[in-house]
Amino acid sequence: MIFAIHALDRSDAGSLRAETRPTHLDYVAGFDVAYGGPLLDAEGDMCGSLVILEAEDLAAAEAFAAGDPYAVAGLFERVEIRGFRPLFGMQD
């Protein structure tokens, strides 16, 4: 099943995203991620993450999100995980 993980950074995160990014990228590389990347604020600065992930079930997607070094470091203010049915751009 495919899941969309939408995570927003804490407003007081400061440089935490930049400091944690290398370990986050290494972690994500070990999973079946269809695509993902940083969310941007009005000024073009990174303010969150969007990951489209293939996982066995919601529990596996939640485990992926909880193990992300960004989450472990406390970067996110809010994380939402929803099932996702691709309609455009991801069809085989």
Protein backbone atom coordinates (compact mmCIF):
# COMPACT_ATOMS: atom_id res chain seq x y z
CA MET A 1 0.00 0.00 0.00
CA ILE A 2 1.12 3.55 -0.61
CA PHE A 3 1.18 6.16 2.14
CA ALA A 4 1.67 9.92 2.17
CA ILE A 5 3.64 11.22 5.15
CA HIS A 6 3.19 14.96 5.68
CA ALA A 7 5.41 16.39 8.42
CA LEU A 8 5.77 20.02 9.50
CA ASP A 9 8.85 21.32 11.30
CA ARG A 10 8.68 22.97 14.71
CA SER A 11 8.88 26.74 14.42
CA ASP A 12 11.82 26.75 16.86
CA ALA A 13 13.78 23.97 15.09
CA GLY A 14 16.58 26.33 14.07
CA SER A 15 19.42 24.42 12.39
CA LEU A 16 18.17 20.98 13.46
CA ARG A 17 17.00 20.07 9.92
CA ALA A 18 20.39 20.87 8.37
CA GLU A 19 22.28 19.07 11.13
CA THR A 20 20.16 15.92 10.83
CA ARG A 21 19.78 15.84 7.04
CA PRO A 22 22.70 13.47 6.21
CA THR A 23 21.41 10.75 8.57
CA HIS A 24 17.84 11.33 7.37
CA LEU A 25 18.90 10.81 3.73
CA ASP A 26 20.81 7.63 4.62
CA TYR A 27 17.77 6.31 6.50
CA VAL A 28 15.28 7.06 3.72
CA ALA A 29 17.52 5.36 1.14
CA GLY A 30 16.85 2.03 2.88
CA PHE A 31 13.10 2.09 2.16
CA ASP A 32 10.78 1.90 -0.83
CA VAL A 33 10.17 5.64 -1.23
CA ALA A 34 8.34 6.56 -4.46
CA TYR A 35 9.32 10.18 -4.02
CA GLY A 36 9.78 12.75 -1.32
CA GLY A 37 11.41 15.98 -0.39
CA PRO A 38 11.23 19.10 1.73
CA LEU A 39 8.18 21.31 1.94
CA LEU A 40 8.92 25.01 1.45
CA ASP A 41 7.50 28.09 3.12
CA ALA A 42 6.60 31.33 1.31
CA GLU A 43 10.26 32.42 1.33
CA GLY A 44 11.44 29.12 -0.15
CA ASP A 45 12.94 27.82 3.11
CA MET A 46 12.48 24.19 4.14
CA CYS A 47 9.68 23.84 6.67
CA GLY A 48 8.65 20.19 6.56
CA SER A 49 8.74 16.96 4.59
CA LEU A 50 6.51 15.04 2.22
CA VAL A 51 7.27 11.36 1.63
CA ILE A 52 5.30 8.98 -0.57
CA LEU A 53 6.16 5.52 0.74
CA GLU A 54 5.30 1.96 -0.26
CA ALA A 55 4.72 -0.02 2.95
CA GLU A 56 2.99 -3.23 3.95
CA ASP A 57 0.44 -1.46 6.14
CA LEU A 58 -0.19 1.63 8.25
CA ALA A 59 1.83 0.21 11.15
CA ALA A 60 4.89 -0.15 8.87
CA ALA A 61 4.46 3.42 7.59
CA GLU A 62 4.17 4.66 11.17
CA ALA A 63 7.32 2.73 12.13
CA PHE A 64 9.17 4.28 9.17
CA ALA A 65 8.06 7.78 10.23
CA ALA A 66 8.94 7.19 13.89
CA GLY A 67 12.42 5.90 13.01
CA ASP A 68 13.27 8.80 10.70
CA PRO A 69 16.23 10.68 12.20
CA TYR A 70 14.27 13.92 11.78
CA ALA A 71 11.52 12.53 14.00
CA VAL A 72 13.98 11.02 16.48
CA ALA A 73 15.71 14.42 16.77
CA GLY A 74 12.37 16.12 17.50
CA LEU A 75 12.28 18.21 14.32
CA PHE A 76 8.57 17.82 13.60
CA GLU A 77 5.71 19.68 15.21
CA ARG A 78 3.11 17.53 13.46
CA VAL A 79 3.15 14.35 11.37
CA GLU A 80 0.16 12.99 9.46
CA ILE A 81 0.17 9.64 7.67
CA ARG A 82 -2.59 8.73 5.25
CA GLY A 83 -3.15 6.00 2.72
CA PHE A 84 -2.65 7.31 -0.80
CA ARG A 85 -4.11 6.16 -4.11
CA PRO A 86 -1.98 7.50 -6.97
CA LEU A 87 -3.95 8.82 -9.88
CA PHE A 88 -1.38 10.88 -11.77
CA GLY A 89 2.37 10.48 -12.17
CA MET A 90 2.98 7.28 -10.20
CA GLN A 91 1.08 4.69 -12.18
CA ASP A 92 2.93 1.67 -13.51
